[in-house]
C-alpha atoms as a PDB file:
ATOM      1  CA  VAL A   1      15.738   5.929  -9.680  1.00  0.00           C
ATOM      2  CA  TYR A   2      11.715   6.707  -8.731  1.00  0.00           C
ATOM      3  CA  THR A   3      12.667  10.438  -9.166  1.00  0.00           C
ATOM      4  CA  ILE A   4      14.027  10.338 -12.539  1.00  0.00           C
ATOM      5  CA  THR A   5      11.345   7.641 -13.400  1.00  0.00           C
ATOM      6  CA  SER A   6       8.300  10.222 -12.012  1.00  0.00           C
ATOM      7  CA  LEU A   7      10.587  13.032 -14.330  1.00  0.00           C
ATOM      8  CA  GLU A   8      10.727  10.621 -17.675  1.00  0.00           C
ATOM      9  CA  MET A   9       7.391   9.876 -17.470  1.00  0.00           C
ATOM     10  CA  SER A  10       6.030  12.937 -17.041  1.00  0.00           C
ATOM     11  CA  ALA A  11       8.984  14.522 -20.211  1.00  0.00           C
ATOM     12  CA  SER A  12       7.392  11.698 -22.478  1.00  0.00           C
ATOM     13  CA  ARG A  13       3.683  11.756 -21.503  1.00  0.00           C
ATOM     14  CA  GLU A  14       4.023   8.074 -20.705  1.00  0.00           C
ATOM     15  CA  PHE A  15       2.431   7.456 -17.181  1.00  0.00           C
ATOM     16  CA  PHE A  16       1.419   3.476 -17.841  1.00  0.00           C
ATOM     17  CA  VAL A  17       5.029   2.554 -18.106  1.00  0.00           C
ATOM     18  CA  THR A  18       7.910   3.538 -16.038  1.00  0.00           C
ATOM     19  CA  ALA A  19      11.572   4.303 -18.031  1.00  0.00           C
ATOM     20  CA  LEU A  20      14.745   4.562 -16.794  1.00  0.00           C
ATOM     21  CA  TYR A  21      17.329   6.573 -18.998  1.00  0.00           C
ATOM     22  CA  GLY A  22      14.615   5.829 -22.513  1.00  0.00           C
ATOM     23  CA  THR A  23      14.063   1.672 -20.911  1.00  0.00           C
ATOM     24  CA  ASN A  24      11.447   0.322 -19.597  1.00  0.00           C
ATOM     25  CA  TYR A  25      12.090  -0.090 -15.799  1.00  0.00           C
ATOM     26  CA  GLY A  26       9.777  -2.629 -15.111  1.00  0.00           C
ATOM     27  CA  ARG A  27       8.284  -1.515 -12.299  1.00  0.00           C
ATOM     28  CA  PRO A  28       4.278  -0.458 -11.938  1.00  0.00           C
ATOM     29  CA  PRO A  29       3.533   3.486 -11.730  1.00  0.00           C
ATOM     30  CA  LEU A  30       1.555   4.251  -8.556  1.00  0.00           C
ATOM     31  CA  LEU A  31       4.679   6.153  -6.732  1.00  0.00           C
ATOM     32  CA  ASN A  32       5.390   8.065 -10.184  1.00  0.00           C
ATOM     33  CA  TRP A  33       1.408   8.793 -10.233  1.00  0.00           C
ATOM     34  CA  LEU A  34       1.646  10.657  -7.110  1.00  0.00           C
ATOM     35  CA  VAL A  35       4.641  12.379  -7.383  1.00  0.00           C
ATOM     36  CA  ILE A  36       4.267  13.979 -10.599  1.00  0.00           C
ATOM     37  CA  PRO A  37       1.379  16.214  -9.531  1.00  0.00           C
ATOM     38  CA  LEU A  38       3.379  16.643  -6.558  1.00  0.00           C
ATOM     39  CA  ALA A  39       6.440  18.108  -8.199  1.00  0.00           C
ATOM     40  CA  ASP A  40       3.897  19.821 -10.879  1.00  0.00           C
ATOM     41  CA  ALA A  41       2.955  21.589  -7.839  1.00  0.00           C
ATOM     42  CA  LEU A  42       6.199  22.478  -6.391  1.00  0.00           C
ATOM     43  CA  GLY A  43       8.296  23.038  -9.301  1.00  0.00           C
ATOM     44  CA  TRP A  44      10.295  19.715 -11.198  1.00  0.00           C
ATOM     45  CA  ASP A  45      13.778  21.071  -9.009  1.00  0.00           C
ATOM     46  CA  ARG A  46      12.117  20.075  -6.223  1.00  0.00           C
ATOM     47  CA  VAL A  47      10.925  16.034  -7.562  1.00  0.00           C
ATOM     48  CA  LEU A  48      13.248  14.820  -5.259  1.00  0.00           C
ATOM     49  CA  ALA A  49      11.625  16.790  -1.869  1.00  0.00           C
ATOM     50  CA  ALA A  50       7.846  15.650  -3.665  1.00  0.00           C
ATOM     51  CA  SER A  51       9.329  11.822  -3.489  1.00  0.00           C
ATOM     52  CA  ARG A  52      10.350  12.016   0.242  1.00  0.00           C
ATOM     53  CA  ILE A  53       6.804  13.894   0.587  1.00  0.00           C
ATOM     54  CA  VAL A  54       5.092  10.788  -0.664  1.00  0.00           C
ATOM     55  CA  THR A  55       7.154   8.275   1.456  1.00  0.00           C
ATOM     56  CA  ALA A  56       7.132  10.193   4.211  1.00  0.00           C
ATOM     57  CA  GLY A  57       3.255  10.451   3.993  1.00  0.00           C
ATOM     58  CA  ALA A  58       2.876   7.031   3.411  1.00  0.00           C
ATOM     59  CA  THR A  59       4.827   5.902   6.268  1.00  0.00           C
ATOM     60  CA  VAL A  60       3.094   8.034   8.608  1.00  0.00           C
ATOM     61  CA  ALA A  61      -0.067   7.094   7.611  1.00  0.00           C
ATOM     62  CA  THR A  62       1.238   3.044   8.266  1.00  0.00           C
ATOM     63  CA  GLY A  63       1.792   4.372  11.857  1.00  0.00           C
ATOM     64  CA  LEU A  64      -2.245   5.400  11.644  1.00  0.00           C
ATOM     65  CA  VAL A  65      -3.094   2.403  10.266  1.00  0.00           C
ATOM     66  CA  LEU A  66      -1.516   0.581  12.695  1.00  0.00           C
ATOM     67  CA  ALA A  67      -3.165   2.173  15.277  1.00  0.00           C
ATOM     68  CA  TRP A  68      -6.119   1.743  13.449  1.00  0.00           C
ATOM     69  CA  LEU A  69      -6.066  -1.790  13.806  1.00  0.00           C
ATOM     70  CA  ALA A  70      -4.577  -2.066  17.157  1.00  0.00           C
ATOM     71  CA  SER A  71      -7.782   0.057  18.166  1.00  0.00           C
ATOM     72  CA  ARG A  72      -9.932  -2.288  16.267  1.00  0.00           C
ATOM     73  CA  LEU A  73      -8.367  -5.340  17.586  1.00  0.00           C
ATOM     74  CA  THR A  74      -7.911  -4.630  21.552  1.00  0.00           C
ATOM     75  CA  ARG A  75     -10.343  -2.175  21.929  1.00  0.00           C
ATOM     76  CA  ASN A  76      -7.607  -0.489  23.785  1.00  0.00           C
ATOM     77  CA  ASP A  77      -6.645   3.292  22.382  1.00  0.00           C
ATOM     78  CA  THR A  78      -4.047   3.732  24.782  1.00  0.00           C
ATOM     79  CA  PHE A  79      -2.279   0.169  23.220  1.00  0.00           C
ATOM     80  CA  ALA A  80      -3.260   1.669  19.767  1.00  0.00           C
ATOM     81  CA  ALA A  81      -1.648   5.323  19.756  1.00  0.00           C
ATOM     82  CA  PHE A  82       1.380   3.178  21.823  1.00  0.00           C
ATOM     83  CA  ALA A  83       2.182   1.475  18.847  1.00  0.00           C
ATOM     84  CA  ALA A  84       1.425   3.819  16.083  1.00  0.00           C
ATOM     85  CA  VAL A  85       3.937   5.502  18.731  1.00  0.00           C
ATOM     86  CA  VAL A  86       6.989   2.929  18.719  1.00  0.00           C
ATOM     87  CA  PHE A  87       6.535   2.321  14.925  1.00  0.00           C
ATOM     88  CA  LEU A  88       7.324   6.018  14.289  1.00  0.00           C
ATOM     89  CA  THR A  89       9.985   6.997  16.728  1.00  0.00           C
ATOM     90  CA  GLY A  90      11.972   3.865  15.124  1.00  0.00           C
ATOM     91  CA  ASP A  91      14.139   3.542  11.716  1.00  0.00           C
ATOM     92  CA  ALA A  92      10.745   4.153   9.736  1.00  0.00           C
ATOM     93  CA  LEU A  93      10.345   7.925  10.098  1.00  0.00           C
ATOM     94  CA  PHE A  94      13.999   8.470  11.118  1.00  0.00           C
ATOM     95  CA  TYR A  95      15.359   7.205   7.815  1.00  0.00           C
ATOM     96  CA  ARG A  96      13.584   4.272   5.634  1.00  0.00           C
ATOM     97  CA  GLY A  97      10.408   6.276   5.854  1.00  0.00           C
ATOM     98  CA  TRP A  98      11.755   9.305   3.893  1.00  0.00           C
ATOM     99  CA  LEU A  99      13.812   7.785   1.920  1.00  0.00           C
ATOM    100  CA  ALA A 100      12.385   8.760  -2.086  1.00  0.00           C
ATOM    101  CA  TYR A 101      11.961   4.693  -3.156  1.00  0.00           C
ATOM    102  CA  ALA A 102       8.611   2.931  -3.343  1.00  0.00           C
ATOM    103  CA  ASP A 103       9.147   0.744   0.400  1.00  0.00           C
ATOM    104  CA  ALA A 104       7.307   2.631   2.215  1.00  0.00           C
ATOM    105  CA  LEU A 105       3.996   3.540   0.175  1.00  0.00           C
ATOM    106  CA  PHE A 106       4.230  -0.107  -0.512  1.00  0.00           C
ATOM    107  CA  THR A 107       4.075  -1.189   2.653  1.00  0.00           C
ATOM    108  CA  LEU A 108       1.498   1.044   3.444  1.00  0.00           C
ATOM    109  CA  CYS A 109      -1.071  -0.566   1.065  1.00  0.00           C
ATOM    110  CA  VAL A 110       0.014  -4.580   1.913  1.00  0.00           C
ATOM    111  CA  PHE A 111      -0.283  -3.482   5.561  1.00  0.00           C
ATOM    112  CA  GLY A 112      -3.548  -1.478   5.070  1.00  0.00           C
ATOM    113  CA  ALA A 113      -4.770  -4.594   3.123  1.00  0.00           C
ATOM    114  CA  ILE A 114      -3.702  -6.529   5.222  1.00  0.00           C
ATOM    115  CA  ALA A 115      -5.472  -4.588   8.682  1.00  0.00           C
ATOM    116  CA  CYS A 116      -8.868  -4.206   6.663  1.00  0.00           C
ATOM    117  CA  LEU A 117      -8.948  -7.505   5.749  1.00  0.00           C
ATOM    118  CA  TRP A 118      -8.328  -8.149   9.318  1.00  0.00           C
ATOM    119  CA  VAL A 119     -10.695  -6.111  10.659  1.00  0.00           C
ATOM    120  CA  GLY A 120     -13.301  -6.724   8.587  1.00  0.00           C
ATOM    121  CA  VAL A 121     -13.626 -10.741   9.153  1.00  0.00           C
ATOM    122  CA  HIS A 122     -12.774  -9.727  12.866  1.00  0.00           C
ATOM    123  CA  GLU A 123     -16.273  -7.003  12.765  1.00  0.00           C
ATOM    124  CA  ARG A 124     -17.446  -8.924  10.582  1.00  0.00           C
ATOM    125  CA  ARG A 125     -17.233  -5.801   7.869  1.00  0.00           C
ATOM    126  CA  ARG A 126     -17.725  -6.934   4.515  1.00  0.00           C
ATOM    127  CA  LEU A 127     -16.920  -3.702   3.106  1.00  0.00           C
ATOM    128  CA  LEU A 128     -13.240  -4.019   4.146  1.00  0.00           C
ATOM    129  CA  ALA A 129     -12.980  -6.989   2.493  1.00  0.00           C
ATOM    130  CA  TRP A 130     -13.012  -4.777  -0.672  1.00  0.00           C
ATOM    131  CA  VAL A 131     -11.142  -1.729   0.808  1.00  0.00           C
ATOM    132  CA  ALA A 132      -8.414  -4.370   1.535  1.00  0.00           C
ATOM    133  CA  VAL A 133      -8.134  -5.951  -2.495  1.00  0.00           C
ATOM    134  CA  ALA A 134      -8.217  -2.050  -3.194  1.00  0.00           C
ATOM    135  CA  ALA A 135      -5.211  -1.472  -0.958  1.00  0.00           C
ATOM    136  CA  LEU A 136      -3.698  -4.553  -2.094  1.00  0.00           C
ATOM    137  CA  THR A 137      -3.563  -3.344  -5.828  1.00  0.00           C
ATOM    138  CA  CYS A 138      -2.182  -0.460  -4.614  1.00  0.00           C
ATOM    139  CA  GLY A 139       0.717  -2.529  -3.001  1.00  0.00           C
ATOM    140  CA  PHE A 140       1.288  -3.994  -6.517  1.00  0.00           C
ATOM    141  CA  LEU A 141       0.937  -1.095  -8.176  1.00  0.00           C
ATOM    142  CA  ALA A 142       3.758   0.674  -6.038  1.00  0.00           C
ATOM    143  CA  LYS A 143       6.362  -2.385  -6.422  1.00  0.00           C
ATOM    144  CA  VAL A 144       5.613  -5.457  -7.363  1.00  0.00           C
ATOM    145  CA  GLN A 145       3.691  -8.687  -7.043  1.00  0.00           C
ATOM    146  CA  THR A 146       4.807 -10.184  -4.198  1.00  0.00           C
ATOM    147  CA  ALA A 147       2.028  -8.167  -2.255  1.00  0.00           C
ATOM    148  CA  TYR A 148      -0.139 -10.788  -3.440  1.00  0.00           C
ATOM    149  CA  VAL A 149       2.290 -12.905  -1.318  1.00  0.00           C
ATOM    150  CA  PHE A 150       2.274 -11.151   1.766  1.00  0.00           C
ATOM    151  CA  TYR A 151      -1.306 -10.708   1.905  1.00  0.00           C
ATOM    152  CA  GLY A 152      -2.356 -14.145   0.806  1.00  0.00           C
ATOM    153  CA  VAL A 153      -0.085 -15.445   3.753  1.00  0.00           C
ATOM    154  CA  ALA A 154      -1.863 -13.339   6.077  1.00  0.00           C
ATOM    155  CA  LEU A 155      -5.044 -14.781   4.582  1.00  0.00           C
ATOM    156  CA  LEU A 156      -4.395 -18.158   5.178  1.00  0.00           C
ATOM    157  CA  ALA A 157      -3.027 -17.271   8.513  1.00  0.00           C
ATOM    158  CA  LEU A 158      -6.602 -15.802   9.208  1.00  0.00           C
ATOM    159  CA  ALA A 159      -8.508 -18.965   7.799  1.00  0.00           C
ATOM    160  CA  TRP A 160      -6.705 -20.999  10.379  1.00  0.00           C
ATOM    161  CA  ASN A 161      -9.645 -19.371  12.590  1.00  0.00           C
ATOM    162  CA  ARG A 162     -12.786 -21.219  12.316  1.00  0.00           C
ATOM    163  CA  ASP A 163     -15.047 -18.257  12.715  1.00  0.00           C
ATOM    164  CA  TYR A 164     -12.680 -15.862  10.495  1.00  0.00           C
ATOM    165  CA  ARG A 165     -12.947 -18.727   8.194  1.00  0.00           C
ATOM    166  CA  ALA A 166     -16.555 -18.197   7.473  1.00  0.00           C
ATOM    167  CA  GLU A 167     -16.164 -15.084   7.016  1.00  0.00           C
ATOM    168  CA  LEU A 168     -13.515 -15.495   4.033  1.00  0.00           C
ATOM    169  CA  LEU A 169     -15.851 -18.250   2.559  1.00  0.00           C
ATOM    170  CA  GLN A 170     -18.984 -15.334   1.983  1.00  0.00           C
ATOM    171  CA  PRO A 171     -19.868 -14.851  -1.640  1.00  0.00           C
ATOM    172  CA  ASN A 172     -18.982 -11.021  -1.119  1.00  0.00           C
ATOM    173  CA  THR A 173     -15.331 -11.630   0.282  1.00  0.00           C
ATOM    174  CA  ILE A 174     -14.474 -14.250  -2.198  1.00  0.00           C
ATOM    175  CA  GLY A 175     -15.648 -11.382  -4.824  1.00  0.00           C
ATOM    176  CA  ALA A 176     -13.544  -9.217  -3.758  1.00  0.00           C
ATOM    177  CA  HIS A 177     -11.074 -11.530  -4.097  1.00  0.00           C
ATOM    178  CA  ALA A 178     -11.519 -12.418  -7.498  1.00  0.00           C
ATOM    179  CA  SER A 179     -11.511  -8.554  -8.102  1.00  0.00           C
ATOM    180  CA  ALA A 180      -7.774  -8.259  -7.232  1.00  0.00           C
ATOM    181  CA  VAL A 181      -6.868 -11.272  -9.076  1.00  0.00           C
ATOM    182  CA  ALA A 182      -8.443  -9.776 -12.318  1.00  0.00           C
ATOM    183  CA  ALA A 183      -6.938  -6.428 -11.753  1.00  0.00           C
ATOM    184  CA  PHE A 184      -3.542  -8.108 -11.658  1.00  0.00           C
ATOM    185  CA  PHE A 185      -4.187  -9.889 -14.764  1.00  0.00           C
ATOM    186  CA  ALA A 186      -5.756  -6.751 -16.223  1.00  0.00           C
ATOM    187  CA  TRP A 187      -2.544  -4.840 -15.610  1.00  0.00           C
ATOM    188  CA  HIS A 188      -0.733  -7.000 -17.703  1.00  0.00           C
ATOM    189  CA  ALA A 189      -2.518  -7.639 -20.451  1.00  0.00           C
END
């Protein structure tokens, strides 16, 4: 589906509305935005390979984000490497992680957003709240608005911790999250 919508977007030069067989597909275009320049470079006869490169890259990047999160939370780089290897040796890399579909990119963005939020409140690094909401917005633009639901559940779980809750209630963090909500509404406008 995403290879066809990328072809149609490129042919029509319409880069904000995904179309499938000439009708509105109704999904945001982040994956298409990544596939189109790669297909331009590789040749459009290799658009499926371009899609698979993007999704395989997103899968590997998710493993790296997992390693980073585990390293920051546990301060154990061996455990972090083990966590990434376990993730990457499973079904994710060998089958689902390279299918030409938005799930791998969606996962990278949403998990990356949650990881940045978690490390940000854990280490009191407020800039990571802005990185988290940027990744969250990309997650929404990769597939669907349920990115906000997954992130919201993680935010509530982190808020259960009193120290984390104090960080989450900082003006910087609130402002970052307000910008994520604004980006959602701006896209739909």
